[in-house]
Structure formats: structure tokens, C-alpha cells
Protein backbone atom coordinates (compact mmCIF):
# COMPACT_ATOMS: atom_id res chain seq x y z
CA MET A 1 0.00 0.00 0.00
CA PRO A 2 1.30 3.48 -0.79
CA THR A 3 2.19 5.58 2.23
CA ILE A 4 2.21 9.08 0.70
CA ALA A 5 -0.19 10.88 -1.65
CA ARG A 6 1.25 13.94 -3.42
CA VAL A 7 -1.50 16.38 -4.47
CA TRP A 8 -1.23 19.34 -6.86
CA ARG A 9 -3.88 21.54 -8.46
CA GLY A 10 -3.81 23.69 -11.59
CA ALA A 11 -6.31 25.18 -14.01
CA THR A 12 -6.53 25.88 -17.74
CA PRO A 13 -9.10 27.56 -19.94
CA PRO A 14 -11.68 24.92 -20.97
CA THR A 15 -10.52 25.26 -24.59
CA LYS A 16 -7.04 24.05 -23.58
CA ALA A 17 -8.15 21.27 -21.23
CA ASP A 18 -7.75 18.37 -23.67
CA ALA A 19 -4.35 19.63 -24.84
CA TYR A 20 -3.16 20.02 -21.25
CA HIS A 21 -4.36 16.52 -20.44
CA GLU A 22 -2.23 15.23 -23.34
CA HIS A 23 0.69 17.34 -22.09
CA LEU A 24 0.40 15.69 -18.66
CA LEU A 25 0.26 12.24 -20.26
CA LYS A 26 3.44 12.93 -22.24
CA ASN A 27 5.46 14.60 -19.48
CA GLY A 28 4.58 14.57 -15.79
CA VAL A 29 2.70 11.28 -15.61
CA PRO A 30 5.37 9.11 -17.29
CA ASP A 31 8.13 10.85 -15.33
CA ALA A 32 6.36 10.05 -12.06
CA GLN A 33 5.56 6.49 -13.13
CA ALA A 34 9.19 5.87 -14.12
CA THR A 35 10.46 6.91 -10.68
CA PRO A 36 11.21 3.99 -8.37
CA GLY A 37 8.69 3.95 -5.55
CA ASN A 38 5.81 5.46 -7.53
CA GLN A 39 2.66 3.44 -7.03
CA GLY A 40 0.29 5.19 -9.38
CA VAL A 41 -0.97 8.52 -10.65
CA PHE A 42 -4.49 9.91 -10.81
CA VAL A 43 -5.34 12.83 -13.12
CA LEU A 44 -8.74 14.34 -12.34
CA ARG A 45 -10.49 17.15 -14.20
CA ARG A 46 -13.62 19.18 -13.75
CA VAL A 47 -14.91 22.19 -15.66
CA SER A 48 -16.53 24.80 -13.45
CA ASP A 49 -16.85 28.59 -13.39
CA GLY A 50 -15.14 29.01 -16.75
CA VAL A 51 -11.98 27.01 -16.00
CA ALA A 52 -10.88 23.40 -16.29
CA GLU A 53 -9.42 22.41 -12.94
CA PHE A 54 -6.90 19.56 -12.79
CA LEU A 55 -6.03 17.63 -9.67
CA VAL A 56 -2.99 15.38 -9.95
CA ILE A 57 -2.51 12.82 -7.22
CA SER A 58 0.54 10.60 -7.25
CA LEU A 59 1.05 7.75 -4.80
CA TRP A 60 4.43 6.91 -3.30
CA GLU A 61 5.93 4.21 -1.10
CA SER A 62 8.14 6.67 0.85
CA ALA A 63 9.31 10.26 1.24
CA GLU A 64 12.60 9.21 -0.35
CA ALA A 65 10.73 8.09 -3.46
CA VAL A 66 9.01 11.49 -3.62
CA ARG A 67 12.44 13.17 -3.37
CA GLN A 68 13.72 11.10 -6.28
CA PHE A 69 10.91 12.52 -8.40
CA ALA A 70 10.59 16.07 -7.05
CA GLY A 71 14.04 16.88 -5.69
CA GLU A 72 14.96 17.94 -2.18
CA ARG A 73 12.24 20.62 -1.95
CA ILE A 74 9.35 18.21 -2.25
CA GLU A 75 6.77 20.93 -1.55
CA ARG A 76 7.54 22.51 -4.95
CA PRO A 77 5.66 21.26 -8.01
CA VAL A 78 7.64 19.65 -10.79
CA GLN A 79 7.24 22.04 -13.71
CA TYR A 80 7.75 21.64 -17.44
CA ALA A 81 8.70 24.24 -20.04
CA ASP A 82 5.33 24.12 -21.81
CA ASP A 83 3.20 24.42 -18.65
CA ALA A 84 2.86 28.19 -18.99
CA GLN A 85 1.12 27.94 -22.36
CA PHE A 86 -1.74 26.03 -20.72
CA LEU A 87 -2.10 27.08 -17.09
CA VAL A 88 -4.05 30.12 -15.91
CA ASP A 89 -3.71 29.07 -12.27
CA SER A 90 -1.24 26.78 -10.57
CA GLU A 91 -0.75 26.04 -6.90
CA PRO A 92 2.77 27.10 -5.93
CA THR A 93 3.12 24.22 -3.50
CA VAL A 94 2.27 20.54 -3.43
CA ARG A 95 0.50 18.96 -0.47
CA HIS A 96 1.49 15.57 0.89
CA TYR A 97 -0.84 13.28 2.81
CA HIS A 98 -0.34 10.02 4.65
CA VAL A 99 -2.43 7.33 2.97
CA LEU A 100 -4.59 5.62 5.56
CA LEU A 101 -6.68 3.45 3.23
CA ALA A 102 -6.26 2.54 -0.45
CA PRO A 103 -7.94 0.08 -2.79
CA GLU A 104 -6.05 -3.17 -3.22
CA ARG A 105 -6.40 -3.08 -7.00
CA MET A 106 -7.60 -0.45 -9.40
CA GLU A 107 -8.58 -0.70 -13.04
CA SER A 108 -7.87 2.06 -15.55
CA PRO A 109 -10.96 4.25 -15.98
CA ALA A 110 -12.84 4.66 -19.21
CA PRO A 111 -11.73 7.62 -21.36
CA ALA A 112 -13.05 10.97 -20.14
CA PRO A 113 -15.98 12.43 -22.05
CA ALA A 114 -15.12 15.33 -24.37
CA SER A 115 -15.51 18.69 -22.67
């Protein structure tokens, strides 16, 4: 079972939501998944009040595994060069939570409906 959940939030205009989702799938998600100790990544999206809000939750076996992905200052988000062309809002810090309960097995969800 993962012991740490790393949570970050950002927002794009709704017109850029699908492109940003693809950007995450090509950059941040595979980088996290390739880091030893990563135990999964969730990418959640909702469109509300004229923005597409993204919540990215990555699961980790230890704080050391998080450091391997994020660097020594684990409270800072990992950023990519193209992020600025999508994001209209981005949390400057990442929150970390202790995982108290997690499903034993998860299936990949169905593709998200077009926004």
C-alpha cells in the first residue's frame, strides 16, 4: 500500500483542457511512473466557473521516493517548459498526505468524455 499521496492543483481555460491533459500524459505522468517507488498517478479534471481544474494525485511508497521525483524541496511542483502555455492558475506548492486506506487493486478508468 502506498504511504504518501502527493497532491497538486492547476487550471486551464476549458478550450485548452484536452491539450493540457495530453501534455500531462506525455510529461509529468510518465516521469512520475518511471520513478522507483511510484505506485500510481491519478489525473482528475472538472470544468466549473469558466476554468478546467486539474487535480494530480501521485502515490508513493516513501518520502525518499518522492524526493527522487521532485528533488529535495518536495513541496515545490515539478514544472515543465510548456506548462505556462496552458495554465491560468497553478498552486505554488504541493500537499502531501499520509495514505490511511487505499484500494487493493484499481482498473484504468474509461476515457473521459469530451468537454
